[in-house]
Structure formats: structure tokens, C-alpha cells
Amino acid sequence: NYNIVILDEINYAVNLGLVNVKEVLELIKLKPATLNLVLTGNYAKKEIINSADLVTEMKEIKHPFKSGIKAKKGIDF
């Protein structure tokens, strides 16, 4: 009984070949109408973009990694 599921960095995983794009498209197709499915990550495939109801592109302005701050467990991985 969830109304939102977030697949964090799934687009990047698809781009790297770790997840099959067809499986993601099938998930989008079969999700209940009441479920908000959020896919994040760079390099979204055109097929995924075409299947989405909403597509947002974000632009990095500042990132802690560039200041030497390491990735945090539970936040960045």
C-alpha cells in the first residue's frame, strides 16, 4: 500500500547496462494508476522519457563532492 516508489539512480543503472530498459518500461506500464513512480538519475533513455508523465531536468550548481566531502552511506549510496 504505497502511493510513491522512488527508483533512485535507475536511469544511470539502465545506462550502465545493470538494469534492462525493457524491464523498467514494463514496470511503468504495469504500475497501478494510484502509484507515483519516480525514476532518478542521469542519461534517461528516450523510451523511458516517452513513457513518463512528467520529466524534469536538474542542473548541478554546487556539489559537496567537489569540496572533498565523501559520499555518505544512506544518502549517496
Protein backbone atom coordinates (compact mmCIF):
# COMPACT_ATOMS: atom_id res chain seq x y z
CA ASN A 1 0.00 0.00 0.00
CA TYR A 2 2.41 2.65 -1.20
CA ASN A 3 1.46 5.75 -3.12
CA ILE A 4 5.03 6.59 -4.15
CA VAL A 5 8.03 4.44 -5.08
CA ILE A 6 11.37 6.08 -5.85
CA LEU A 7 13.84 4.19 -8.02
CA ASP A 8 16.90 6.27 -7.17
CA GLU A 9 19.55 6.38 -9.94
CA ILE A 10 17.65 3.80 -12.02
CA ASN A 11 18.31 5.75 -15.23
CA TYR A 12 22.04 5.62 -14.57
CA ALA A 13 21.81 1.88 -13.85
CA VAL A 14 19.97 1.35 -17.15
CA ASN A 15 22.61 3.39 -18.98
CA LEU A 16 25.37 1.20 -17.48
CA GLY A 17 23.53 -1.97 -18.51
CA LEU A 18 22.90 -3.05 -14.91
CA VAL A 19 19.12 -2.90 -15.42
CA ASN A 20 17.29 -3.75 -18.63
CA VAL A 21 15.34 -0.83 -20.13
CA LYS A 22 12.54 -3.21 -21.16
CA GLU A 23 12.03 -4.21 -17.51
CA VAL A 24 11.74 -0.56 -16.47
CA LEU A 25 9.26 0.13 -19.28
CA GLU A 26 7.21 -2.90 -18.20
CA LEU A 27 7.20 -1.64 -14.61
CA ILE A 28 5.96 1.76 -15.79
CA LYS A 29 3.28 0.11 -17.92
CA LEU A 30 2.02 -2.22 -15.17
CA LYS A 31 2.09 0.15 -12.20
CA PRO A 32 -1.27 0.88 -10.55
CA ALA A 33 -2.82 4.21 -11.53
CA THR A 34 -2.67 5.30 -7.89
CA LEU A 35 1.11 4.76 -7.66
CA ASN A 36 3.52 7.62 -8.27
CA LEU A 37 6.69 6.08 -9.68
CA VAL A 38 9.76 8.33 -9.53
CA LEU A 39 12.83 7.45 -11.58
CA THR A 40 16.02 9.41 -10.95
CA GLY A 41 19.48 9.55 -12.47
CA ASN A 42 21.31 10.86 -15.48
CA TYR A 43 21.12 9.53 -19.03
CA ALA A 44 17.42 8.60 -19.14
CA LYS A 45 16.69 6.58 -22.26
CA LYS A 46 14.34 8.14 -24.80
CA GLU A 47 11.91 5.23 -24.34
CA ILE A 48 11.66 5.94 -20.61
CA ILE A 49 11.19 9.67 -21.21
CA ASN A 50 8.42 8.92 -23.71
CA SER A 51 6.67 6.64 -21.19
CA ALA A 52 6.77 9.21 -18.39
CA ASP A 53 4.01 11.63 -17.43
CA LEU A 54 6.49 14.19 -16.09
CA VAL A 55 10.16 14.72 -16.94
CA THR A 56 12.34 17.18 -15.05
CA GLU A 57 15.95 18.01 -15.83
CA MET A 58 18.10 19.26 -12.97
CA LYS A 59 21.29 21.26 -13.26
CA GLU A 60 24.10 20.95 -10.73
CA ILE A 61 25.05 24.30 -9.22
CA LYS A 62 27.15 23.09 -6.31
CA HIS A 63 28.09 19.61 -5.08
CA PRO A 64 29.84 18.57 -1.85
CA PHE A 65 32.00 16.01 -3.67
CA LYS A 66 33.81 18.87 -5.41
CA SER A 67 34.77 20.25 -1.98
CA GLY A 68 36.28 16.93 -0.95
CA ILE A 69 33.30 15.75 1.09
CA LYS A 70 32.93 11.99 0.64
CA ALA A 71 29.72 10.14 -0.19
CA LYS A 72 27.53 9.43 2.83
CA LYS A 73 26.04 5.99 3.45
CA GLY A 74 22.26 6.16 3.29
CA ILE A 75 22.34 9.41 1.34
CA ASP A 76 24.64 8.94 -1.66
CA PHE A 77 24.73 5.14 -1.71
